[in-house]
Amino acid sequence: MAEQQPEHGVDLDQNQFCCSVCLDLLKEPVTVPCGHSYCKSCIEDCWDQEVKKRRYSCPQCRETFSPRPVLKRNTMLAEVVEKLKKSSTQQPSPSLACAGPEDVVCDFCCGTRRNKATMSCLACLASYCPAHLEPHHSVPVLKKHRLVSATIPLQEKMCEKHNKLMEVYCRTDKKCICYLCVIDEHKSHNTVSSASERAEEQEQLIVSQKKVQQRFQEREQELKELLQALKDFKSSTQPARKTCDKIFDELICSIKKKRSLTKQLINAQQETASAQAEQLQLQLEEEISKMKRRDAELEQLSHTDDHIHFIQTFQSLSTFCESPDLPPVSVFYPQRSAFKPVTDCVSKLRKDIESLLEDTWPRISATVSNIDVVPPAPKTREEFLRYCRPLTLDRNSVSQYLSISQEHRRVTSSYYNNGYYGSSQKVIGQVLCSEGLSERCYWEVSWSGSTWSVAVSYKDSRTKDLEFGNDNKSWSLECSPNGYSFRHNNGSKAVSGPVSSPVGVYLDHKSGTLSFHNVSDTMTLLHREHVEFTQPLYPGLGLKNYGSQSKLSRYFAELIKLW
């Protein structure tokens, strides 16, 4: 029984014989004046780092000693540890992680291998790994200490001036300070405890978190739509290629058929001409043979002595000479080729096709370039011009004070010409384009004098006397020598920017973007609207002025021809 009791005691108190520095069973144990025991090499290493301070502390209770205590081997403790090693299996050390470059290091780990701290004590002002933190869970006095997660080194939470924990927040300077700073340089400032500030900012954090989560959900939905759009885009690419291949194959096939037909026509014409020439050749050869025989008969007749026979025979022979069987044949001798007019026609066809391809290809190329899952916003004028398209003013929508010219692109005031000059009556005139826009489109408008409106509008419920921007179905930028203003739903807003002509308008119907730009070497944004358009938009031009101000017939606005 006497032999078993120590074993039982040692087995129960095994953790009490581990060095709190190396966390292993004590090796050559020594006891410091406060009563705590360590491996001699471990405590010596710790105190070697405190030589400059000339004050040596216990790693566990932080009691300081001066001068440096002389360490002697604790014989009894060494014997108990030795028996523990022999009589029982040594328990494994707590699972610890070495501190990395970004981690907070345990203040009690010595040597080159220092563990990662998991908690910091605001009372001890030290950070602990799980092993060295154990006393704070078992010692009653240490249990009262406030522990926080070791996210940043404690030194960053200390006031640089007073070396105290920054437990106060200065709302005036928006910074954390210590309690000594409150009675010093922050004496008259608005200060609260860090806990109070945390509670208030925690509420703001919750609001921000909700916004982030909402934005996150929106972005997730946008990503989902983008992936679906990309999938649809890829699925539409192959049919488009097949359709284009089919169209070009049909075009090439049609050209080949016409080439074959042209060759057949040339061959047929050659055969017809050859047949006609051969028939005429036979007739000519037959007539030549007849004429040779008559020539021989005439030669023979010229030598006869019988006058009566001569007269009778000559009359029949002379009748044949005066009435030939064939009319004179006129033969065409071409300088180069009889079919040169044909080759000229084919050459002209080639030039016409090449010219057509040259004129059509930029439109095809621009159309293909405009197809994009996420179209980039144009910035330069060249990029804007990729979206230009033909626009014409609609005569059926023009007001009585306006007239259209220049290939249905220019609108001019006819107010003065109609005899209203000198009147103080307010002049309002407008005209819409014939084309409704539901894609991306860009156009430019030049204007001269008075106040002109560059606008877009839904076509329904549009009357010639309703001013652009006075309803919720039209958007207008008023341009005058004095500046710009944007009008919509009977509201007006001043717009800053360089006042000059022309003005560029960019519409992205699908994304709901309408923007007006001053056109120069650099495109200057005047105004941008984000609207969920529900119908096609029709570009419009409008005039607003008082007739008595000047000769309105000199004023015009024009769609610049960009196509």
Protein backbone atom coordinates (compact mmCIF):
# COMPACT_ATOMS: atom_id res chain seq x y z
CA MET A 1 0.00 0.00 0.00
CA ALA A 2 2.85 2.34 0.85
CA GLU A 3 4.37 1.72 -2.57
CA GLN A 4 1.10 2.25 -4.49
CA GLN A 5 0.15 5.54 -2.83
CA PRO A 6 2.87 7.62 -4.49
CA GLU A 7 2.01 6.17 -7.87
CA HIS A 8 -1.63 7.06 -7.38
CA GLY A 9 -0.72 10.57 -6.25
CA VAL A 10 1.71 11.13 -9.08
CA ASP A 11 -0.83 9.90 -11.57
CA LEU A 12 -3.44 12.34 -10.34
CA ASP A 13 -1.14 15.37 -10.25
CA GLN A 14 0.72 14.74 -13.48
CA ASN A 15 -0.10 18.14 -15.07
CA GLN A 16 1.28 19.93 -12.04
CA PHE A 17 4.79 18.75 -12.88
CA CYS A 18 4.98 20.43 -16.29
CA CYS A 19 7.04 23.54 -16.89
CA SER A 20 4.74 26.45 -17.76
CA VAL A 21 7.36 27.74 -20.22
CA CYS A 22 8.16 24.67 -22.35
CA LEU A 23 4.94 22.82 -21.36
CA ASP A 24 6.91 19.60 -20.88
CA LEU A 25 7.77 17.65 -17.73
CA LEU A 26 10.25 19.52 -15.61
CA LYS A 27 13.89 18.97 -16.45
CA GLU A 28 16.36 19.85 -13.68
CA PRO A 29 13.58 21.68 -11.79
CA VAL A 30 14.30 24.86 -9.86
CA THR A 31 11.97 26.95 -7.69
CA VAL A 32 11.94 30.76 -7.79
CA PRO A 33 11.31 32.82 -4.59
CA CYS A 34 7.54 33.14 -5.28
CA GLY A 35 7.23 29.34 -5.14
CA HIS A 36 6.69 28.50 -8.81
CA SER A 37 8.94 25.87 -10.39
CA TYR A 38 10.47 25.74 -13.87
CA CYS A 39 13.08 23.93 -15.87
CA LYS A 40 16.34 25.58 -15.01
CA SER A 41 17.17 26.27 -18.69
CA CYS A 42 13.68 27.73 -19.35
CA ILE A 43 13.72 30.24 -16.49
CA GLU A 44 17.34 31.15 -17.20
CA ASP A 45 16.39 31.95 -20.86
CA CYS A 46 13.49 34.12 -19.70
CA TRP A 47 15.62 36.06 -17.25
CA ASP A 48 18.42 36.49 -19.79
CA GLN A 49 15.99 38.61 -21.81
CA GLU A 50 15.38 40.87 -18.77
CA VAL A 51 18.99 41.66 -17.96
CA LYS A 52 18.73 45.25 -19.21
CA LYS A 53 15.74 45.94 -16.95
CA ARG A 54 17.60 44.55 -13.92
CA ARG A 55 14.26 43.28 -12.70
CA TYR A 56 13.37 39.62 -13.06
CA SER A 57 9.81 38.35 -12.98
CA CYS A 58 7.96 35.09 -12.57
CA PRO A 59 6.33 34.12 -15.91
CA GLN A 60 3.18 32.98 -14.08
CA CYS A 61 2.39 35.48 -11.30
CA ARG A 62 4.60 38.33 -12.66
CA GLU A 63 6.20 38.93 -9.23
CA THR A 64 9.48 40.72 -9.72
CA PHE A 65 12.84 40.09 -8.02
CA SER A 66 15.95 42.19 -7.69
CA PRO A 67 18.73 41.25 -7.72
CA ARG A 68 18.51 38.13 -9.86
CA PRO A 69 17.81 35.12 -7.62
CA VAL A 70 20.32 32.31 -7.43
CA LEU A 71 18.64 29.15 -8.69
CA LYS A 72 19.23 25.81 -7.01
CA ARG A 73 18.01 22.39 -8.01
CA ASN A 74 14.82 21.29 -6.25
CA THR A 75 15.89 17.77 -5.28
CA MET A 76 12.55 16.55 -4.00
CA LEU A 77 10.69 17.80 -7.05
CA ALA A 78 13.29 16.25 -9.33
CA GLU A 79 12.80 12.86 -7.65
CA VAL A 80 9.01 13.06 -8.01
CA VAL A 81 9.32 13.93 -11.69
CA GLU A 82 11.76 11.08 -12.18
CA LYS A 83 9.33 8.63 -10.57
CA LEU A 84 6.53 10.06 -12.72
CA LYS A 85 8.53 9.36 -15.88
CA LYS A 86 9.13 5.77 -14.82
CA SER A 87 5.73 4.88 -13.36
CA SER A 88 3.24 6.44 -15.76
CA THR A 89 2.79 7.34 -19.39
CA GLN A 90 3.49 10.95 -20.00
CA GLN A 91 0.44 12.91 -21.11
CA PRO A 92 0.74 14.71 -24.45
CA SER A 93 1.18 18.44 -24.48
CA PRO A 94 -1.75 20.64 -25.52
CA SER A 95 -2.15 21.01 -29.28
CA LEU A 96 -0.48 24.33 -30.07
CA ALA A 97 0.21 26.20 -33.27
CA CYS A 98 3.40 28.04 -34.02
CA ALA A 99 2.89 31.78 -34.53
CA GLY A 100 3.05 32.94 -38.13
CA PRO A 101 4.01 36.39 -39.47
CA GLU A 102 0.42 37.65 -39.19
CA ASP A 103 -0.32 36.07 -35.78
CA VAL A 104 -0.10 37.52 -32.27
CA VAL A 105 2.76 35.81 -30.38
CA CYS A 106 2.36 34.38 -26.87
CA ASP A 107 4.24 36.59 -24.40
CA PHE A 108 5.17 33.62 -22.16
CA CYS A 109 6.66 31.31 -24.76
CA CYS A 110 10.48 31.43 -24.70
CA GLY A 111 13.05 30.35 -27.18
CA THR A 112 12.88 30.39 -30.94
CA ARG A 113 9.64 28.39 -31.12
CA ARG A 114 6.88 30.70 -29.91
CA ASN A 115 3.23 29.70 -30.07
CA LYS A 116 0.27 31.61 -31.46
CA ALA A 117 -1.66 33.54 -28.81
CA THR A 118 -5.41 32.98 -28.78
CA MET A 119 -6.44 35.34 -25.96
CA SER A 120 -5.19 38.60 -24.48
CA CYS A 121 -5.67 39.66 -20.87
CA LEU A 122 -6.57 43.35 -20.45
CA ALA A 123 -5.52 43.21 -16.78
CA CYS A 124 -2.17 41.49 -17.29
CA LEU A 125 -1.63 43.31 -20.59
CA ALA A 126 -0.25 40.10 -22.04
CA SER A 127 -1.24 37.59 -24.71
CA TYR A 128 -1.40 33.85 -24.07
CA CYS A 129 -1.38 30.63 -26.03
CA PRO A 130 -3.88 27.95 -24.82
CA ALA A 131 -1.28 26.32 -22.55
CA HIS A 132 -0.14 29.50 -20.80
CA LEU A 133 -3.74 30.68 -20.56
CA GLU A 134 -4.65 27.77 -18.27
CA PRO A 135 -3.96 29.67 -14.98
CA HIS A 136 -6.60 32.24 -15.98
CA HIS A 137 -9.14 29.42 -15.98
CA SER A 138 -8.02 27.81 -12.71
CA VAL A 139 -6.57 30.51 -10.41
CA PRO A 140 -9.45 32.40 -8.66
CA VAL A 141 -7.71 35.78 -8.83
CA LEU A 142 -6.91 35.42 -12.50
CA LYS A 143 -10.43 34.29 -13.32
CA LYS A 144 -11.59 37.85 -12.66
CA HIS A 145 -9.37 39.22 -15.42
CA ARG A 146 -11.00 40.31 -18.70
CA LEU A 147 -9.97 38.18 -21.66
CA VAL A 148 -10.39 39.17 -25.30
CA SER A 149 -9.48 37.44 -28.55
CA ALA A 150 -5.89 38.04 -29.57
CA THR A 151 -6.64 39.63 -32.95
CA ILE A 152 -3.96 42.34 -32.87
CA PRO A 153 -0.89 42.82 -30.66
CA LEU A 154 -1.68 44.46 -27.33
CA GLN A 155 0.87 47.15 -28.05
CA GLU A 156 -1.44 48.54 -30.73
CA LYS A 157 -4.13 48.95 -28.07
CA MET A 158 -1.81 50.91 -25.78
CA CYS A 159 -1.55 54.68 -25.64
CA GLU A 160 1.87 55.66 -26.98
CA LYS A 161 2.07 58.65 -24.64
CA HIS A 162 0.96 57.10 -21.34
CA ASN A 163 1.48 53.40 -22.07
CA LYS A 164 -2.04 52.68 -20.82
CA LEU A 165 -4.80 50.64 -22.41
CA MET A 166 -6.95 52.80 -24.67
CA GLU A 167 -10.37 52.23 -23.10
CA VAL A 168 -11.91 55.61 -24.05
CA TYR A 169 -13.11 56.89 -27.42
CA CYS A 170 -12.84 60.58 -28.34
CA ARG A 171 -15.69 61.47 -30.68
CA THR A 172 -14.21 64.89 -31.33
CA ASP A 173 -10.97 63.55 -32.76
CA LYS A 174 -12.48 60.17 -33.73
CA LYS A 175 -9.76 58.12 -32.09
CA CYS A 176 -9.20 55.76 -29.16
CA ILE A 177 -7.41 57.20 -26.13
CA CYS A 178 -6.53 56.16 -22.55
CA TYR A 179 -8.15 57.55 -19.40
CA LEU A 180 -5.12 59.81 -18.77
CA CYS A 181 -5.63 61.45 -22.17
CA VAL A 182 -9.17 62.41 -21.05
CA ILE A 183 -7.78 64.65 -18.31
CA ASP A 184 -4.94 65.87 -20.51
CA GLU A 185 -5.16 66.97 -24.14
CA HIS A 186 -8.74 65.68 -24.65
CA LYS A 187 -10.11 67.38 -21.54
CA SER A 188 -12.87 69.39 -23.26
CA HIS A 189 -13.65 66.81 -25.95
CA ASN A 190 -16.69 64.60 -26.29
CA THR A 191 -15.51 61.27 -24.90
CA VAL A 192 -17.27 58.00 -24.14
CA SER A 193 -16.13 54.57 -23.11
CA SER A 194 -14.98 52.26 -25.84
CA ALA A 195 -17.81 49.90 -24.90
CA SER A 196 -20.43 52.65 -25.45
CA GLU A 197 -18.90 53.62 -28.77
CA ARG A 198 -18.76 49.96 -29.74
CA ALA A 199 -22.46 49.53 -28.92
CA GLU A 200 -23.40 52.54 -31.06
CA GLU A 201 -21.19 51.52 -33.94
CA GLN A 202 -22.48 47.97 -33.58
CA GLU A 203 -25.93 49.26 -34.58
CA GLN A 204 -24.39 51.03 -37.57
CA LEU A 205 -22.55 47.82 -38.37
CA ILE A 206 -25.84 45.93 -38.41
CA VAL A 207 -27.31 48.50 -40.81
CA SER A 208 -24.20 48.34 -42.99
CA GLN A 209 -24.28 44.57 -42.83
CA LYS A 210 -27.88 44.55 -44.04
CA LYS A 211 -26.93 46.85 -46.90
CA VAL A 212 -23.98 44.64 -47.77
CA GLN A 213 -26.19 41.56 -47.65
CA GLN A 214 -28.79 43.27 -49.83
CA ARG A 215 -26.11 44.38 -52.25
CA PHE A 216 -24.64 40.90 -52.09
CA GLN A 217 -27.99 39.40 -53.06
CA GLU A 218 -28.35 41.94 -55.86
CA ARG A 219 -24.87 41.10 -57.12
CA GLU A 220 -25.64 37.40 -56.91
CA GLN A 221 -28.77 37.98 -58.98
CA GLU A 222 -26.77 40.09 -61.45
CA LEU A 223 -24.18 37.32 -61.64
CA LYS A 224 -26.91 34.77 -62.23
CA GLU A 225 -28.40 36.93 -64.98
CA LEU A 226 -24.94 37.52 -66.46
CA LEU A 227 -24.18 33.80 -66.56
CA GLN A 228 -27.58 33.11 -68.13
CA ALA A 229 -27.04 35.91 -70.64
CA LEU A 230 -23.60 34.54 -71.45
CA LYS A 231 -25.09 31.07 -71.88
CA ASP A 232 -27.80 32.43 -74.17
CA PHE A 233 -25.18 34.49 -76.01
CA LYS A 234 -23.02 31.43 -76.63
CA SER A 235 -26.02 29.36 -77.69
CA SER A 236 -27.02 32.03 -80.22
CA THR A 237 -23.53 32.21 -81.72
CA GLN A 238 -23.61 28.84 -83.48
CA PRO A 239 -26.99 29.42 -85.21
CA ALA A 240 -25.80 32.86 -86.31
CA ARG A 241 -22.66 31.34 -87.84
CA LYS A 242 -24.70 28.66 -89.60
CA THR A 243 -27.18 31.23 -90.92
CA CYS A 244 -24.38 33.50 -92.17
CA ASP A 245 -22.63 30.51 -93.75
CA LYS A 246 -25.90 29.51 -95.44
CA ILE A 247 -26.51 33.04 -96.74
CA PHE A 248 -22.96 33.41 -98.07
CA ASP A 249 -23.09 29.89 -99.56
CA GLU A 250 -26.34 30.77 -101.30
CA LEU A 251 -24.80 34.04 -102.50
CA ILE A 252 -21.72 32.21 -103.79
CA CYS A 253 -23.95 29.53 -105.35
CA SER A 254 -26.02 32.23 -107.05
CA ILE A 255 -22.86 33.86 -108.43
CA LYS A 256 -21.62 30.47 -109.63
CA LYS A 257 -24.96 29.82 -111.35
CA LYS A 258 -24.78 33.18 -113.10
CA ARG A 259 -21.19 32.41 -114.10
CA SER A 260 -22.27 29.07 -115.53
CA LEU A 261 -25.25 30.69 -117.29
CA THR A 262 -23.00 33.38 -118.78
CA LYS A 263 -20.63 30.72 -120.12
CA GLN A 264 -23.60 28.80 -121.55
CA LEU A 265 -24.87 31.95 -123.26
CA ILE A 266 -21.42 32.64 -124.73
CA ASN A 267 -21.09 29.02 -125.90
CA ALA A 268 -24.62 29.05 -127.37
CA GLN A 269 -23.94 32.32 -129.14
CA GLN A 270 -20.68 30.86 -130.47
CA GLU A 271 -22.47 27.76 -131.77
CA THR A 272 -25.24 29.85 -133.36
CA ALA A 273 -22.75 32.18 -135.02
CA SER A 274 -20.66 29.22 -136.18
CA ALA A 275 -23.73 27.51 -137.66
CA GLN A 276 -24.75 30.69 -139.48
CA ALA A 277 -21.21 31.21 -140.78
CA GLU A 278 -20.96 27.58 -141.96
CA GLN A 279 -24.28 27.84 -143.81
CA LEU A 280 -23.22 31.09 -145.42
CA GLN A 281 -19.85 29.54 -146.22
CA LEU A 282 -21.54 26.68 -148.11
CA GLN A 283 -23.75 29.11 -149.99
CA LEU A 284 -20.77 31.28 -150.93
CA GLU A 285 -18.73 28.28 -152.04
CA GLU A 286 -21.67 27.00 -154.16
CA GLU A 287 -22.15 30.43 -155.76
CA ILE A 288 -18.44 30.72 -156.44
CA SER A 289 -18.55 27.33 -158.18
CA LYS A 290 -21.48 28.46 -160.33
CA MET A 291 -19.73 31.70 -161.21
CA LYS A 292 -16.60 29.82 -162.20
CA ARG A 293 -18.65 27.64 -164.55
CA ARG A 294 -20.36 30.70 -166.10
CA ASP A 295 -17.00 32.40 -166.43
CA ALA A 296 -15.75 29.38 -168.35
CA GLU A 297 -18.89 29.38 -170.52
CA LEU A 298 -18.49 33.09 -171.22
CA GLU A 299 -14.86 32.53 -172.10
CA GLN A 300 -15.85 29.75 -174.47
CA LEU A 301 -18.66 31.85 -175.95
CA SER A 302 -16.26 34.68 -176.69
CA HIS A 303 -14.40 32.46 -179.13
CA THR A 304 -17.44 31.15 -181.15
CA ASP A 305 -17.89 32.14 -184.78
CA ASP A 306 -21.65 31.56 -184.87
CA HIS A 307 -23.23 34.96 -184.44
CA ILE A 308 -26.74 33.70 -183.89
CA HIS A 309 -25.58 31.18 -181.26
CA PHE A 310 -23.54 33.89 -179.58
CA ILE A 311 -26.49 36.26 -179.33
CA GLN A 312 -28.90 33.60 -178.03
CA THR A 313 -26.44 32.17 -175.53
CA PHE A 314 -25.13 35.53 -174.25
CA GLN A 315 -28.60 36.78 -173.36
CA SER A 316 -29.18 33.84 -171.00
CA LEU A 317 -25.69 34.12 -169.50
CA SER A 318 -25.91 37.89 -168.96
CA THR A 319 -29.22 37.50 -167.06
CA PHE A 320 -27.51 35.26 -164.48
CA CYS A 321 -24.74 37.84 -163.93
CA GLU A 322 -27.22 40.64 -163.31
CA SER A 323 -29.30 38.59 -160.76
CA PRO A 324 -26.92 37.06 -158.17
CA ASP A 325 -28.26 34.36 -155.83
CA LEU A 326 -26.92 36.03 -152.59
CA PRO A 327 -26.77 39.67 -151.58
CA PRO A 328 -23.34 41.12 -150.76
CA VAL A 329 -22.03 39.78 -147.42
CA SER A 330 -20.66 42.29 -144.89
CA VAL A 331 -18.20 40.51 -142.53
CA PHE A 332 -17.37 41.98 -139.03
CA TYR A 333 -13.69 41.89 -138.10
CA PRO A 334 -13.34 42.64 -134.28
CA GLN A 335 -10.11 44.33 -133.22
CA ARG A 336 -9.81 42.28 -129.98
CA SER A 337 -12.82 40.17 -129.17
CA ALA A 338 -16.39 39.96 -130.21
CA PHE A 339 -17.36 39.38 -126.58
CA LYS A 340 -15.62 42.42 -125.07
CA PRO A 341 -18.97 44.11 -124.27
CA VAL A 342 -19.90 40.96 -122.33
CA THR A 343 -16.68 40.96 -120.31
CA ASP A 344 -17.18 44.68 -119.71
CA CYS A 345 -20.65 43.96 -118.29
CA VAL A 346 -19.22 41.24 -116.03
CA SER A 347 -16.44 43.59 -114.91
CA LYS A 348 -19.02 46.22 -114.03
CA LEU A 349 -20.97 43.60 -112.09
CA ARG A 350 -17.83 42.76 -110.12
CA LYS A 351 -17.22 46.42 -109.31
CA ASP A 352 -20.84 46.87 -108.27
CA ILE A 353 -20.69 43.82 -105.97
CA GLU A 354 -17.36 44.93 -104.48
CA SER A 355 -18.74 48.43 -103.95
CA LEU A 356 -21.85 46.99 -102.32
CA LEU A 357 -19.72 44.80 -100.04
CA GLU A 358 -17.50 47.75 -99.19
CA ASP A 359 -20.53 49.88 -98.29
CA THR A 360 -22.29 47.09 -96.39
CA TRP A 361 -19.32 45.61 -94.53
CA PRO A 362 -18.84 48.50 -92.03
CA ARG A 363 -22.51 48.13 -91.08
CA ILE A 364 -22.10 44.36 -90.66
CA SER A 365 -18.89 44.84 -88.67
CA ALA A 366 -20.44 47.52 -86.46
CA THR A 367 -23.52 45.39 -85.87
CA VAL A 368 -21.39 42.42 -84.80
CA SER A 369 -19.21 44.65 -82.60
CA ASN A 370 -22.29 46.06 -80.89
CA ILE A 371 -23.42 42.60 -79.77
CA ASP A 372 -22.06 42.10 -76.27
CA VAL A 373 -23.23 40.49 -73.07
CA VAL A 374 -22.00 43.48 -71.06
CA PRO A 375 -21.52 46.37 -73.50
CA PRO A 376 -18.80 48.79 -72.34
CA ALA A 377 -19.92 52.38 -71.96
CA PRO A 378 -18.53 54.49 -74.84
CA LYS A 379 -16.10 57.22 -73.86
CA THR A 380 -14.58 58.67 -77.03
CA ARG A 381 -16.51 60.05 -80.00
CA GLU A 382 -15.26 57.16 -82.14
CA GLU A 383 -16.82 54.72 -79.66
CA PHE A 384 -20.09 56.67 -79.65
CA LEU A 385 -20.17 56.70 -83.45
CA ARG A 386 -20.30 52.89 -83.45
CA TYR A 387 -23.95 53.27 -82.43
CA CYS A 388 -25.05 55.89 -84.98
CA ARG A 389 -27.91 55.06 -87.32
CA PRO A 390 -29.92 56.96 -89.97
CA LEU A 391 -32.61 59.27 -88.58
CA THR A 392 -35.20 61.32 -90.50
CA LEU A 393 -37.71 63.92 -89.32
CA ASP A 394 -41.37 62.96 -89.68
CA ARG A 395 -43.40 65.54 -91.62
CA ASN A 396 -46.60 64.24 -90.05
CA SER A 397 -45.40 65.28 -86.58
CA VAL A 398 -44.07 68.77 -87.38
CA SER A 399 -45.70 71.85 -85.78
CA GLN A 400 -47.13 74.71 -87.82
CA TYR A 401 -44.22 77.05 -87.01
CA LEU A 402 -41.57 74.69 -88.35
CA SER A 403 -40.50 73.48 -91.79
CA ILE A 404 -38.31 70.51 -92.74
CA SER A 405 -35.48 70.44 -95.29
CA GLN A 406 -32.02 68.96 -95.89
CA GLU A 407 -33.13 65.39 -96.61
CA HIS A 408 -35.60 65.50 -93.71
CA ARG A 409 -32.79 66.28 -91.24
CA ARG A 410 -33.09 70.06 -90.68
CA VAL A 411 -36.00 71.87 -89.08
CA THR A 412 -36.26 75.66 -89.48
CA SER A 413 -38.61 78.15 -87.87
CA SER A 414 -41.18 79.48 -90.37
CA TYR A 415 -42.79 81.77 -87.80
CA TYR A 416 -41.37 84.98 -89.29
CA ASN A 417 -42.25 83.94 -92.85
CA ASN A 418 -45.89 83.41 -91.84
CA GLY A 419 -46.25 87.04 -90.85
CA TYR A 420 -46.11 86.66 -87.04
CA TYR A 421 -42.87 88.63 -86.59
CA GLY A 422 -43.27 91.42 -84.05
CA SER A 423 -45.84 89.53 -82.01
CA SER A 424 -45.15 88.78 -78.35
CA GLN A 425 -46.78 85.39 -78.69
CA LYS A 426 -44.71 82.52 -77.31
CA VAL A 427 -43.55 80.18 -80.04
CA ILE A 428 -43.45 76.43 -79.29
CA GLY A 429 -42.76 74.03 -82.12
CA GLN A 430 -41.58 70.49 -82.26
CA VAL A 431 -41.03 67.52 -84.54
CA LEU A 432 -40.33 63.82 -83.95
CA CYS A 433 -38.24 61.43 -85.97
CA SER A 434 -39.83 58.59 -87.90
CA GLU A 435 -37.62 55.97 -86.25
CA GLY A 436 -38.45 54.46 -82.87
CA LEU A 437 -35.38 53.35 -80.90
CA SER A 438 -35.28 50.33 -78.60
CA GLU A 439 -31.55 49.48 -78.73
CA ARG A 440 -28.33 51.44 -78.28
CA CYS A 441 -28.19 54.50 -80.50
CA TYR A 442 -26.21 57.74 -80.80
CA TRP A 443 -26.98 60.92 -82.76
CA GLU A 444 -25.80 64.52 -82.84
CA VAL A 445 -27.76 67.76 -83.23
CA SER A 446 -26.41 71.13 -84.31
CA TRP A 447 -28.48 74.22 -83.50
CA SER A 448 -28.39 77.96 -84.11
CA GLY A 449 -30.00 80.74 -82.11
CA SER A 450 -33.07 80.80 -79.86
CA THR A 451 -33.83 77.89 -77.50
CA TRP A 452 -33.91 74.44 -79.01
CA SER A 453 -34.89 71.21 -77.28
CA VAL A 454 -32.99 68.00 -77.99
CA ALA A 455 -35.36 65.34 -76.75
CA VAL A 456 -36.64 61.78 -76.79
CA SER A 457 -40.28 60.85 -76.32
CA TYR A 458 -42.78 58.04 -76.39
CA LYS A 459 -45.01 58.41 -79.42
CA ASP A 460 -48.38 57.75 -77.79
CA SER A 461 -50.36 60.77 -76.56
CA ARG A 462 -47.88 63.09 -78.24
CA THR A 463 -49.44 66.32 -79.58
CA LYS A 464 -47.77 68.99 -81.67
CA ASP A 465 -48.45 71.70 -79.07
CA LEU A 466 -47.22 69.81 -75.98
CA GLU A 467 -43.75 71.01 -75.06
CA PHE A 468 -41.06 68.36 -74.61
CA GLY A 469 -40.43 67.65 -70.93
CA ASN A 470 -43.87 68.78 -69.75
CA ASP A 471 -45.06 65.21 -69.20
CA ASN A 472 -43.66 61.93 -67.89
CA LYS A 473 -43.29 60.51 -71.39
CA SER A 474 -40.57 62.82 -72.72
CA TRP A 475 -37.07 63.84 -71.68
CA SER A 476 -35.57 67.07 -73.01
CA LEU A 477 -32.30 69.01 -72.86
CA GLU A 478 -32.99 72.68 -73.64
CA CYS A 479 -30.05 74.34 -75.40
CA SER A 480 -29.76 78.12 -75.60
CA PRO A 481 -26.91 80.64 -75.89
CA ASN A 482 -27.29 81.16 -72.12
CA GLY A 483 -26.88 77.54 -71.06
CA TYR A 484 -28.61 74.19 -70.66
CA SER A 485 -31.51 72.86 -68.62
CA PHE A 486 -32.98 69.38 -68.36
CA ARG A 487 -36.77 68.97 -68.38
CA HIS A 488 -38.96 66.00 -67.48
CA ASN A 489 -42.45 65.60 -66.03
CA ASN A 490 -42.92 69.40 -65.98
CA GLY A 491 -39.79 69.85 -63.86
CA SER A 492 -36.65 71.74 -64.83
CA LYS A 493 -33.04 71.44 -63.62
CA ALA A 494 -30.08 73.61 -64.63
CA VAL A 495 -27.23 71.77 -66.35
CA SER A 496 -23.66 73.06 -66.34
CA GLY A 497 -21.26 72.60 -69.22
CA PRO A 498 -19.69 74.32 -72.22
CA VAL A 499 -22.38 75.95 -74.38
CA SER A 500 -21.62 75.06 -77.97
CA SER A 501 -22.99 73.12 -80.88
CA PRO A 502 -23.33 70.23 -81.59
CA VAL A 503 -24.87 68.19 -78.77
CA GLY A 504 -24.57 64.39 -78.78
CA VAL A 505 -27.31 62.10 -77.43
CA TYR A 506 -26.60 58.51 -76.38
CA LEU A 507 -29.44 56.09 -75.64
CA ASP A 508 -29.09 52.60 -74.21
CA HIS A 509 -32.72 51.56 -74.11
CA LYS A 510 -32.20 48.16 -72.48
CA SER A 511 -30.02 49.42 -69.63
CA GLY A 512 -32.20 52.52 -69.23
CA THR A 513 -29.46 55.10 -69.88
CA LEU A 514 -30.03 58.46 -71.59
CA SER A 515 -27.11 60.90 -71.68
CA PHE A 516 -26.38 64.24 -73.34
CA HIS A 517 -22.85 65.28 -74.28
CA ASN A 518 -21.04 68.34 -75.54
CA VAL A 519 -19.22 67.21 -78.69
CA SER A 520 -15.60 68.35 -79.03
CA ASP A 521 -12.17 66.73 -78.98
CA THR A 522 -13.28 65.17 -75.71
CA MET A 523 -16.88 64.16 -75.03
CA THR A 524 -18.11 66.22 -72.05
CA LEU A 525 -21.06 64.74 -70.18
CA LEU A 526 -23.78 67.35 -69.65
CA HIS A 527 -26.50 65.21 -68.06
CA ARG A 528 -27.37 61.54 -67.58
CA GLU A 529 -30.71 59.95 -66.71
CA HIS A 530 -31.39 56.37 -65.60
CA VAL A 531 -34.93 55.36 -66.54
CA GLU A 532 -36.71 52.05 -67.01
CA PHE A 533 -38.06 52.69 -70.51
CA THR A 534 -41.24 50.80 -71.39
CA GLN A 535 -41.71 51.83 -75.04
CA PRO A 536 -39.56 52.71 -78.06
CA LEU A 537 -38.21 56.26 -77.90
CA TYR A 538 -38.43 58.73 -80.78
CA PRO A 539 -35.79 61.48 -81.06
CA GLY A 540 -37.28 64.95 -81.26
CA LEU A 541 -36.37 68.59 -81.84
CA GLY A 542 -38.27 71.52 -80.36
CA LEU A 543 -38.25 75.33 -80.61
CA LYS A 544 -39.23 77.72 -77.82
CA ASN A 545 -39.05 81.49 -78.17
CA TYR A 546 -41.05 84.72 -78.34
CA GLY A 547 -41.65 86.07 -81.82
CA SER A 548 -40.80 89.64 -80.93
CA GLN A 549 -37.24 88.83 -79.98
CA SER A 550 -35.73 88.37 -83.43
CA LYS A 551 -36.23 86.84 -86.83
CA LEU A 552 -37.03 83.29 -85.96
CA SER A 553 -36.74 82.16 -89.57
CA ARG A 554 -32.95 82.28 -89.16
CA TYR A 555 -33.04 79.65 -86.43
CA PHE A 556 -32.63 75.98 -87.16
CA ALA A 557 -31.74 72.65 -85.63
CA GLU A 558 -30.34 69.77 -87.66
CA LEU A 559 -29.62 66.07 -87.27
CA ILE A 560 -25.98 65.74 -88.30
CA LYS A 561 -25.47 63.02 -90.91
CA LEU A 562 -23.10 60.52 -89.27
CA TRP A 563 -24.05 57.40 -91.26
